[in-house]
Amino acid sequence: MYVGALELDVLLGDVQSLKQKRAVVRPLVSELRRRFDVAVAEVGGNDLYRRAVIGVSAVSGEAGQVREVLEACERAVAGHPELELLSTRQRMLGPQD
């Protein structure tokens, strides 16, 4: 079994309040869940209205499949014009870990 985790640090565009932030982040989290069948949550920057850290995780019997899914999630987030992807960090756990 392989478990992959992806951390996405994003800067939100024209957002002036936490309410507006939720209006951008919640649909993004739902889209990732629906399109890629992954676990997703906002995991950081909760008190900042222009920043968010989104965590994504996937599980598979093959490491390559996990990497593909996480990379597709990263591309999907980078393709959103209302935010800027500042950094990403990917980790993988396998049978030897």
PDB file of N, CA and C in Angstrom:
ATOM      1  N   MET A   1       0.849  -1.175   0.000  1.00  0.00           N
ATOM      2  CA  MET A   1       0.000   0.000   0.000  1.00  0.00           C
ATOM      3  C   MET A   1       0.894   1.238   0.000  1.00  0.00           C
ATOM      4  N   TYR A   2       0.526   2.205  -0.818  1.00  0.00           N
ATOM      5  CA  TYR A   2       1.239   3.479  -0.903  1.00  0.00           C
ATOM      6  C   TYR A   2       0.278   4.606  -0.555  1.00  0.00           C
ATOM      7  N   VAL A   3       0.758   5.518   0.269  1.00  0.00           N
ATOM      8  CA  VAL A   3      -0.026   6.680   0.675  1.00  0.00           C
ATOM      9  C   VAL A   3       0.752   7.925   0.273  1.00  0.00           C
ATOM     10  N   GLY A   4       0.097   8.796  -0.463  1.00  0.00           N
ATOM     11  CA  GLY A   4       0.738  10.027  -0.887  1.00  0.00           C
ATOM     12  C   GLY A   4       0.030  11.222  -0.292  1.00  0.00           C
ATOM     13  N   ALA A   5       0.815  12.225   0.057  1.00  0.00           N
ATOM     14  CA  ALA A   5       0.264  13.466   0.602  1.00  0.00           C
ATOM     15  C   ALA A   5       0.820  14.638  -0.192  1.00  0.00           C
ATOM     16  N   LEU A   6      -0.046  15.570  -0.506  1.00  0.00           N
ATOM     17  CA  LEU A   6       0.320  16.763  -1.258  1.00  0.00           C
ATOM     18  C   LEU A   6      -0.149  17.972  -0.473  1.00  0.00           C
ATOM     19  N   GLU A   7       0.753  18.911  -0.279  1.00  0.00           N
ATOM     20  CA  GLU A   7       0.434  20.156   0.417  1.00  0.00           C
ATOM     21  C   GLU A   7       0.564  21.293  -0.581  1.00  0.00           C
ATOM     22  N   LEU A   8      -0.507  22.052  -0.760  1.00  0.00           N
ATOM     23  CA  LEU A   8      -0.552  23.140  -1.724  1.00  0.00           C
ATOM     24  C   LEU A   8      -0.717  24.462  -0.980  1.00  0.00           C
ATOM     25  N   ASP A   9       0.233  25.347  -1.120  1.00  0.00           N
ATOM     26  CA  ASP A   9       0.161  26.676  -0.516  1.00  0.00           C
ATOM     27  C   ASP A   9      -0.317  27.642  -1.596  1.00  0.00           C
ATOM     28  N   VAL A  10      -1.492  28.224  -1.394  1.00  0.00           N
ATOM     29  CA  VAL A  10      -2.072  29.081  -2.429  1.00  0.00           C
ATOM     30  C   VAL A  10      -2.320  30.492  -1.908  1.00  0.00           C
ATOM     31  N   LEU A  11      -2.189  31.436  -2.813  1.00  0.00           N
ATOM     32  CA  LEU A  11      -2.511  32.832  -2.555  1.00  0.00           C
ATOM     33  C   LEU A  11      -3.789  33.127  -3.311  1.00  0.00           C
ATOM     34  N   LEU A  12      -4.791  33.589  -2.597  1.00  0.00           N
ATOM     35  CA  LEU A  12      -6.084  33.867  -3.209  1.00  0.00           C
ATOM     36  C   LEU A  12      -6.082  35.283  -3.771  1.00  0.00           C
ATOM     37  N   GLY A  13      -6.733  35.466  -4.893  1.00  0.00           N
ATOM     38  CA  GLY A  13      -6.740  36.750  -5.599  1.00  0.00           C
ATOM     39  C   GLY A  13      -7.469  37.850  -4.859  1.00  0.00           C
ATOM     40  N   ASP A  14      -8.554  38.295  -5.398  1.00  0.00           N
ATOM     41  CA  ASP A  14      -9.311  39.439  -4.888  1.00  0.00           C
ATOM     42  C   ASP A  14     -10.234  39.003  -3.749  1.00  0.00           C
ATOM     43  N   VAL A  15      -9.648  38.703  -2.612  1.00  0.00           N
ATOM     44  CA  VAL A  15     -10.399  38.240  -1.441  1.00  0.00           C
ATOM     45  C   VAL A  15     -10.170  39.229  -0.312  1.00  0.00           C
ATOM     46  N   GLN A  16     -11.252  39.727   0.265  1.00  0.00           N
ATOM     47  CA  GLN A  16     -11.149  40.754   1.309  1.00  0.00           C
ATOM     48  C   GLN A  16     -11.647  40.292   2.677  1.00  0.00           C
ATOM     49  N   SER A  17     -12.137  39.067   2.775  1.00  0.00           N
ATOM     50  CA  SER A  17     -12.652  38.590   4.067  1.00  0.00           C
ATOM     51  C   SER A  17     -12.566  37.066   4.119  1.00  0.00           C
ATOM     52  N   LEU A  18     -12.738  36.524   5.312  1.00  0.00           N
ATOM     53  CA  LEU A  18     -12.741  35.071   5.470  1.00  0.00           C
ATOM     54  C   LEU A  18     -13.957  34.444   4.778  1.00  0.00           C
ATOM     55  N   LYS A  19     -15.050  35.180   4.717  1.00  0.00           N
ATOM     56  CA  LYS A  19     -16.244  34.699   4.031  1.00  0.00           C
ATOM     57  C   LYS A  19     -15.975  34.542   2.532  1.00  0.00           C
ATOM     58  N   GLN A  20     -15.319  35.509   1.939  1.00  0.00           N
ATOM     59  CA  GLN A  20     -14.955  35.423   0.527  1.00  0.00           C
ATOM     60  C   GLN A  20     -13.944  34.291   0.301  1.00  0.00           C
ATOM     61  N   LYS A  21     -13.050  34.109   1.261  1.00  0.00           N
ATOM     62  CA  LYS A  21     -12.072  33.023   1.162  1.00  0.00           C
ATOM     63  C   LYS A  21     -12.793  31.679   1.105  1.00  0.00           C
ATOM     64  N   ARG A  22     -13.758  31.482   1.993  1.00  0.00           N
ATOM     65  CA  ARG A  22     -14.532  30.237   1.998  1.00  0.00           C
ATOM     66  C   ARG A  22     -15.235  30.013   0.664  1.00  0.00           C
ATOM     67  N   ALA A  23     -15.699  31.100   0.044  1.00  0.00           N
ATOM     68  CA  ALA A  23     -16.394  31.000  -1.238  1.00  0.00           C
ATOM     69  C   ALA A  23     -15.464  30.542  -2.359  1.00  0.00           C
ATOM     70  N   VAL A  24     -14.159  30.684  -2.186  1.00  0.00           N
ATOM     71  CA  VAL A  24     -13.187  30.219  -3.172  1.00  0.00           C
ATOM     72  C   VAL A  24     -12.665  28.833  -2.805  1.00  0.00           C
ATOM     73  N   VAL A  25     -12.349  28.624  -1.531  1.00  0.00           N
ATOM     74  CA  VAL A  25     -11.700  27.383  -1.095  1.00  0.00           C
ATOM     75  C   VAL A  25     -12.659  26.193  -1.093  1.00  0.00           C
ATOM     76  N   ARG A  26     -13.879  26.383  -0.602  1.00  0.00           N
ATOM     77  CA  ARG A  26     -14.813  25.253  -0.521  1.00  0.00           C
ATOM     78  C   ARG A  26     -15.116  24.623  -1.884  1.00  0.00           C
ATOM     79  N   PRO A  27     -15.409  25.416  -2.912  1.00  0.00           N
ATOM     80  CA  PRO A  27     -15.641  24.787  -4.225  1.00  0.00           C
ATOM     81  C   PRO A  27     -14.400  24.081  -4.768  1.00  0.00           C
ATOM     82  N   LEU A  28     -13.222  24.610  -4.490  1.00  0.00           N
ATOM     83  CA  LEU A  28     -11.985  23.980  -4.933  1.00  0.00           C
ATOM     84  C   LEU A  28     -11.798  22.623  -4.252  1.00  0.00           C
ATOM     85  N   VAL A  29     -12.014  22.572  -2.951  1.00  0.00           N
ATOM     86  CA  VAL A  29     -11.904  21.323  -2.199  1.00  0.00           C
ATOM     87  C   VAL A  29     -12.919  20.301  -2.722  1.00  0.00           C
ATOM     88  N   SER A  30     -14.145  20.749  -2.966  1.00  0.00           N
ATOM     89  CA  SER A  30     -15.183  19.849  -3.486  1.00  0.00           C
ATOM     90  C   SER A  30     -14.838  19.329  -4.873  1.00  0.00           C
ATOM     91  N   GLU A  31     -14.298  20.195  -5.716  1.00  0.00           N
ATOM     92  CA  GLU A  31     -13.917  19.793  -7.065  1.00  0.00           C
ATOM     93  C   GLU A  31     -12.833  18.708  -7.036  1.00  0.00           C
ATOM     94  N   LEU A  32     -11.807  18.912  -6.202  1.00  0.00           N
ATOM     95  CA  LEU A  32     -10.735  17.921  -6.110  1.00  0.00           C
ATOM     96  C   LEU A  32     -11.265  16.578  -5.616  1.00  0.00           C
ATOM     97  N   ARG A  33     -12.132  16.629  -4.618  1.00  0.00           N
ATOM     98  CA  ARG A  33     -12.728  15.402  -4.074  1.00  0.00           C
ATOM     99  C   ARG A  33     -13.504  14.662  -5.159  1.00  0.00           C
ATOM    100  N   ARG A  34     -14.317  15.398  -5.887  1.00  0.00           N
ATOM    101  CA  ARG A  34     -15.196  14.809  -6.890  1.00  0.00           C
ATOM    102  C   ARG A  34     -14.413  14.289  -8.107  1.00  0.00           C
ATOM    103  N   ARG A  35     -13.500  15.086  -8.624  1.00  0.00           N
ATOM    104  CA  ARG A  35     -12.786  14.723  -9.847  1.00  0.00           C
ATOM    105  C   ARG A  35     -11.757  13.621  -9.660  1.00  0.00           C
ATOM    106  N   PHE A  36     -11.081  13.625  -8.500  1.00  0.00           N
ATOM    107  CA  PHE A  36      -9.940  12.721  -8.332  1.00  0.00           C
ATOM    108  C   PHE A  36     -10.126  11.669  -7.244  1.00  0.00           C
ATOM    109  N   ASP A  37     -11.257  11.685  -6.552  1.00  0.00           N
ATOM    110  CA  ASP A  37     -11.556  10.716  -5.500  1.00  0.00           C
ATOM    111  C   ASP A  37     -10.423  10.655  -4.470  1.00  0.00           C
ATOM    112  N   VAL A  38     -10.077  11.818  -3.922  1.00  0.00           N
ATOM    113  CA  VAL A  38      -9.015  11.945  -2.924  1.00  0.00           C
ATOM    114  C   VAL A  38      -9.594  12.568  -1.656  1.00  0.00           C
ATOM    115  N   ALA A  39      -8.851  12.470  -0.579  1.00  0.00           N
ATOM    116  CA  ALA A  39      -9.203  13.166   0.657  1.00  0.00           C
ATOM    117  C   ALA A  39      -8.573  14.555   0.587  1.00  0.00           C
ATOM    118  N   VAL A  40      -9.373  15.596   0.853  1.00  0.00           N
ATOM    119  CA  VAL A  40      -8.907  16.979   0.732  1.00  0.00           C
ATOM    120  C   VAL A  40      -9.440  17.791   1.897  1.00  0.00           C
ATOM    121  N   ALA A  41      -8.601  18.716   2.391  1.00  0.00           N
ATOM    122  CA  ALA A  41      -9.033  19.626   3.449  1.00  0.00           C
ATOM    123  C   ALA A  41      -8.152  20.865   3.442  1.00  0.00           C
ATOM    124  N   GLU A  42      -8.704  21.956   3.939  1.00  0.00           N
ATOM    125  CA  GLU A  42      -7.886  23.136   4.193  1.00  0.00           C
ATOM    126  C   GLU A  42      -7.157  22.868   5.502  1.00  0.00           C
ATOM    127  N   VAL A  43      -5.836  22.845   5.450  1.00  0.00           N
ATOM    128  CA  VAL A  43      -5.056  22.410   6.607  1.00  0.00           C
ATOM    129  C   VAL A  43      -4.180  23.501   7.202  1.00  0.00           C
ATOM    130  N   GLY A  44      -4.218  24.696   6.648  1.00  0.00           N
ATOM    131  CA  GLY A  44      -3.391  25.776   7.180  1.00  0.00           C
ATOM    132  C   GLY A  44      -3.838  27.128   6.667  1.00  0.00           C
ATOM    133  N   GLY A  45      -3.351  28.147   7.330  1.00  0.00           N
ATOM    134  CA  GLY A  45      -3.699  29.509   6.951  1.00  0.00           C
ATOM    135  C   GLY A  45      -5.148  29.848   7.233  1.00  0.00           C
ATOM    136  N   ASN A  46      -5.738  29.186   8.205  1.00  0.00           N
ATOM    137  CA  ASN A  46      -7.168  29.356   8.463  1.00  0.00           C
ATOM    138  C   ASN A  46      -7.562  30.767   8.878  1.00  0.00           C
ATOM    139  N   ASP A  47      -6.669  31.474   9.535  1.00  0.00           N
ATOM    140  CA  ASP A  47      -7.006  32.821  10.004  1.00  0.00           C
ATOM    141  C   ASP A  47      -6.550  33.910   9.036  1.00  0.00           C
ATOM    142  N   LEU A  48      -5.926  33.535   7.932  1.00  0.00           N
ATOM    143  CA  LEU A  48      -5.480  34.493   6.922  1.00  0.00           C
ATOM    144  C   LEU A  48      -6.468  34.477   5.767  1.00  0.00           C
ATOM    145  N   TYR A  49      -6.944  35.639   5.339  1.00  0.00           N
ATOM    146  CA  TYR A  49      -7.978  35.640   4.316  1.00  0.00           C
ATOM    147  C   TYR A  49      -7.450  35.559   2.893  1.00  0.00           C
ATOM    148  N   ARG A  50      -6.155  35.765   2.673  1.00  0.00           N
ATOM    149  CA  ARG A  50      -5.626  35.658   1.310  1.00  0.00           C
ATOM    150  C   ARG A  50      -4.738  34.449   1.091  1.00  0.00           C
ATOM    151  N   ARG A  51      -4.530  33.634   2.113  1.00  0.00           N
ATOM    152  CA  ARG A  51      -3.681  32.444   1.990  1.00  0.00           C
ATOM    153  C   ARG A  51      -4.452  31.214   2.457  1.00  0.00           C
ATOM    154  N   ALA A  52      -4.127  30.095   1.853  1.00  0.00           N
ATOM    155  CA  ALA A  52      -4.706  28.818   2.279  1.00  0.00           C
ATOM    156  C   ALA A  52      -3.691  27.722   1.993  1.00  0.00           C
ATOM    157  N   VAL A  53      -3.668  26.744   2.863  1.00  0.00           N
ATOM    158  CA  VAL A  53      -2.873  25.542   2.630  1.00  0.00           C
ATOM    159  C   VAL A  53      -3.885  24.409   2.504  1.00  0.00           C
ATOM    160  N   ILE A  54      -3.822  23.731   1.367  1.00  0.00           N
ATOM    161  CA  ILE A  54      -4.764  22.661   1.087  1.00  0.00           C
ATOM    162  C   ILE A  54      -3.997  21.350   1.074  1.00  0.00           C
ATOM    163  N   GLY A  55      -4.490  20.394   1.845  1.00  0.00           N
ATOM    164  CA  GLY A  55      -3.866  19.077   1.915  1.00  0.00           C
ATOM    165  C   GLY A  55      -4.667  18.068   1.126  1.00  0.00           C
ATOM    166  N   VAL A  56      -3.974  17.248   0.350  1.00  0.00           N
ATOM    167  CA  VAL A  56      -4.601  16.221  -0.481  1.00  0.00           C
ATOM    168  C   VAL A  56      -3.897  14.903  -0.183  1.00  0.00           C
ATOM    169  N   SER A  57      -4.658  13.828  -0.053  1.00  0.00           N
ATOM    170  CA  SER A  57      -4.024  12.521   0.132  1.00  0.00           C
ATOM    171  C   SER A  57      -4.722  11.476  -0.727  1.00  0.00           C
ATOM    172  N   ALA A  58      -3.921  10.496  -1.144  1.00  0.00           N
ATOM    173  CA  ALA A  58      -4.426   9.405  -1.977  1.00  0.00           C
ATOM    174  C   ALA A  58      -3.757   8.103  -1.554  1.00  0.00           C
ATOM    175  N   VAL A  59      -4.466   7.011  -1.754  1.00  0.00           N
ATOM    176  CA  VAL A  59      -3.969   5.682  -1.397  1.00  0.00           C
ATOM    177  C   VAL A  59      -4.151   4.758  -2.591  1.00  0.00           C
ATOM    178  N   SER A  60      -3.139   3.926  -2.850  1.00  0.00           N
ATOM    179  CA  SER A  60      -3.226   2.959  -3.944  1.00  0.00           C
ATOM    180  C   SER A  60      -2.242   1.822  -3.687  1.00  0.00           C
ATOM    181  N   GLY A  61      -2.401   0.776  -4.432  1.00  0.00           N
ATOM    182  CA  GLY A  61      -1.472  -0.340  -4.360  1.00  0.00           C
ATOM    183  C   GLY A  61      -0.205  -0.095  -5.160  1.00  0.00           C
ATOM    184  N   GLU A  62      -0.204   0.955  -5.988  1.00  0.00           N
ATOM    185  CA  GLU A  62       0.946   1.277  -6.832  1.00  0.00           C
ATOM    186  C   GLU A  62       1.388   2.716  -6.599  1.00  0.00           C
ATOM    187  N   ALA A  63       2.681   2.905  -6.408  1.00  0.00           N
ATOM    188  CA  ALA A  63       3.219   4.241  -6.159  1.00  0.00           C
ATOM    189  C   ALA A  63       2.991   5.166  -7.345  1.00  0.00           C
ATOM    190  N   GLY A  64       3.125   4.658  -8.553  1.00  0.00           N
ATOM    191  CA  GLY A  64       2.936   5.474  -9.745  1.00  0.00           C
ATOM    192  C   GLY A  64       1.533   6.044  -9.846  1.00  0.00           C
ATOM    193  N   GLN A  65       0.551   5.257  -9.463  1.00  0.00           N
ATOM    194  CA  GLN A  65      -0.839   5.722  -9.496  1.00  0.00           C
ATOM    195  C   GLN A  65      -1.040   6.873  -8.509  1.00  0.00           C
ATOM    196  N   VAL A  66      -0.475   6.748  -7.327  1.00  0.00           N
ATOM    197  CA  VAL A  66      -0.602   7.814  -6.328  1.00  0.00           C
ATOM    198  C   VAL A  66       0.049   9.094  -6.850  1.00  0.00           C
ATOM    199  N   ARG A  67       1.241   8.985  -7.417  1.00  0.00           N
ATOM    200  CA  ARG A  67       1.929  10.166  -7.963  1.00  0.00           C
ATOM    201  C   ARG A  67       1.123  10.827  -9.072  1.00  0.00           C
ATOM    202  N   GLU A  68       0.565  10.021  -9.967  1.00  0.00           N
ATOM    203  CA  GLU A  68      -0.243  10.562 -11.060  1.00  0.00           C
ATOM    204  C   GLU A  68      -1.437  11.348 -10.544  1.00  0.00           C
ATOM    205  N   VAL A  69      -2.128  10.795  -9.577  1.00  0.00           N
ATOM    206  CA  VAL A  69      -3.310  11.467  -9.024  1.00  0.00           C
ATOM    207  C   VAL A  69      -2.912  12.779  -8.358  1.00  0.00           C
ATOM    208  N   LEU A  70      -1.858  12.766  -7.550  1.00  0.00           N
ATOM    209  CA  LEU A  70      -1.438  13.980  -6.855  1.00  0.00           C
ATOM    210  C   LEU A  70      -0.951  15.039  -7.841  1.00  0.00           C
ATOM    211  N   GLU A  71      -0.252  14.627  -8.883  1.00  0.00           N
ATOM    212  CA  GLU A  71       0.200  15.592  -9.895  1.00  0.00           C
ATOM    213  C   GLU A  71      -0.980  16.176 -10.665  1.00  0.00           C
ATOM    214  N   ALA A  72      -2.001  15.365 -10.926  1.00  0.00           N
ATOM    215  CA  ALA A  72      -3.203  15.870 -11.591  1.00  0.00           C
ATOM    216  C   ALA A  72      -3.922  16.878 -10.696  1.00  0.00           C
ATOM    217  N   CYS A  73      -3.956  16.619  -9.393  1.00  0.00           N
ATOM    218  CA  CYS A  73      -4.560  17.573  -8.451  1.00  0.00           C
ATOM    219  C   CYS A  73      -3.787  18.889  -8.465  1.00  0.00           C
ATOM    220  N   GLU A  74      -2.472  18.794  -8.472  1.00  0.00           N
ATOM    221  CA  GLU A  74      -1.637  19.997  -8.505  1.00  0.00           C
ATOM    222  C   GLU A  74      -1.900  20.806  -9.775  1.00  0.00           C
ATOM    223  N   ARG A  75      -1.987  20.142 -10.915  1.00  0.00           N
ATOM    224  CA  ARG A  75      -2.274  20.844 -12.176  1.00  0.00           C
ATOM    225  C   ARG A  75      -3.651  21.496 -12.144  1.00  0.00           C
ATOM    226  N   ALA A  76      -4.623  20.806 -11.559  1.00  0.00           N
ATOM    227  CA  ALA A  76      -5.981  21.357 -11.479  1.00  0.00           C
ATOM    228  C   ALA A  76      -6.006  22.631 -10.642  1.00  0.00           C
ATOM    229  N   VAL A  77      -5.300  22.626  -9.526  1.00  0.00           N
ATOM    230  CA  VAL A  77      -5.257  23.817  -8.666  1.00  0.00           C
ATOM    231  C   VAL A  77      -4.510  24.938  -9.373  1.00  0.00           C
ATOM    232  N   ALA A  78      -3.410  24.622 -10.026  1.00  0.00           N
ATOM    233  CA  ALA A  78      -2.629  25.638 -10.739  1.00  0.00           C
ATOM    234  C   ALA A  78      -3.427  26.260 -11.877  1.00  0.00           C
ATOM    235  N   GLY A  79      -4.400  25.539 -12.404  1.00  0.00           N
ATOM    236  CA  GLY A  79      -5.211  26.038 -13.507  1.00  0.00           C
ATOM    237  C   GLY A  79      -6.319  26.981 -13.111  1.00  0.00           C
ATOM    238  N   HIS A  80      -6.512  27.202 -11.831  1.00  0.00           N
ATOM    239  CA  HIS A  80      -7.565  28.119 -11.379  1.00  0.00           C
ATOM    240  C   HIS A  80      -7.065  29.560 -11.456  1.00  0.00           C
ATOM    241  N   PRO A  81      -7.739  30.405 -12.232  1.00  0.00           N
ATOM    242  CA  PRO A  81      -7.262  31.775 -12.408  1.00  0.00           C
ATOM    243  C   PRO A  81      -7.441  32.663 -11.176  1.00  0.00           C
ATOM    244  N   GLU A  82      -8.324  32.296 -10.256  1.00  0.00           N
ATOM    245  CA  GLU A  82      -8.587  33.141  -9.094  1.00  0.00           C
ATOM    246  C   GLU A  82      -7.591  32.953  -7.958  1.00  0.00           C
ATOM    247  N   LEU A  83      -6.605  32.082  -8.170  1.00  0.00           N
ATOM    248  CA  LEU A  83      -5.588  31.883  -7.140  1.00  0.00           C
ATOM    249  C   LEU A  83      -4.234  31.645  -7.776  1.00  0.00           C
ATOM    250  N   GLU A  84      -3.196  31.791  -6.943  1.00  0.00           N
ATOM    251  CA  GLU A  84      -1.822  31.568  -7.390  1.00  0.00           C
ATOM    252  C   GLU A  84      -1.213  30.472  -6.526  1.00  0.00           C
ATOM    253  N   LEU A  85      -0.678  29.464  -7.168  1.00  0.00           N
ATOM    254  CA  LEU A  85      -0.033  28.365  -6.453  1.00  0.00           C
ATOM    255  C   LEU A  85       1.383  28.791  -6.091  1.00  0.00           C
ATOM    256  N   LEU A  86       1.632  28.996  -4.790  1.00  0.00           N
ATOM    257  CA  LEU A  86       2.933  29.485  -4.327  1.00  0.00           C
ATOM    258  C   LEU A  86       3.952  28.359  -4.191  1.00  0.00           C
ATOM    259  N   SER A  87       3.543  27.252  -3.599  1.00  0.00           N
ATOM    260  CA  SER A  87       4.476  26.141  -3.430  1.00  0.00           C
ATOM    261  C   SER A  87       3.701  24.848  -3.222  1.00  0.00           C
ATOM    262  N   THR A  88       4.388  23.753  -3.466  1.00  0.00           N
ATOM    263  CA  THR A  88       3.815  22.428  -3.228  1.00  0.00           C
ATOM    264  C   THR A  88       4.850  21.558  -2.538  1.00  0.00           C
ATOM    265  N   ARG A  89       4.355  20.583  -1.823  1.00  0.00           N
ATOM    266  CA  ARG A  89       5.239  19.607  -1.190  1.00  0.00           C
ATOM    267  C   ARG A  89       4.535  18.258  -1.249  1.00  0.00           C
ATOM    268  N   GLN A  90       5.245  17.279  -1.775  1.00  0.00           N
ATOM    269  CA  GLN A  90       4.656  15.944  -1.938  1.00  0.00           C
ATOM    270  C   GLN A  90       5.465  14.944  -1.121  1.00  0.00           C
ATOM    271  N   ARG A  91       4.752  14.049  -0.438  1.00  0.00           N
ATOM    272  CA  ARG A  91       5.395  12.987   0.346  1.00  0.00           C
ATOM    273  C   ARG A  91       4.738  11.651   0.010  1.00  0.00           C
ATOM    274  N   MET A  92       5.538  10.600   0.109  1.00  0.00           N
ATOM    275  CA  MET A  92       5.037   9.274  -0.204  1.00  0.00           C
ATOM    276  C   MET A  92       5.471   8.307   0.887  1.00  0.00           C
ATOM    277  N   LEU A  93       4.537   7.478   1.337  1.00  0.00           N
ATOM    278  CA  LEU A  93       4.829   6.415   2.277  1.00  0.00           C
ATOM    279  C   LEU A  93       4.542   5.095   1.594  1.00  0.00           C
ATOM    280  N   GLY A  94       5.455   4.163   1.725  1.00  0.00           N
ATOM    281  CA  GLY A  94       5.290   2.866   1.096  1.00  0.00           C
ATOM    282  C   GLY A  94       5.385   1.737   2.098  1.00  0.00           C
ATOM    283  N   PRO A  95       5.428   0.516   1.630  1.00  0.00           N
ATOM    284  CA  PRO A  95       5.446  -0.648   2.523  1.00  0.00           C
ATOM    285  C   PRO A  95       6.668  -0.686   3.448  1.00  0.00           C
ATOM    286  N   GLN A  96       7.785  -0.092   3.047  1.00  0.00           N
ATOM    287  CA  GLN A  96       8.982  -0.115   3.866  1.00  0.00           C
ATOM    288  C   GLN A  96       8.980   0.928   4.970  1.00  0.00           C
ATOM    289  N   ASP A  97       8.053   1.860   4.942  1.00  0.00           N
ATOM    290  CA  ASP A  97       8.044   2.964   5.917  1.00  0.00           C
ATOM    291  C   ASP A  97       7.371   2.585   7.204  1.00  0.00           C
TER     292      ASP A  97
END
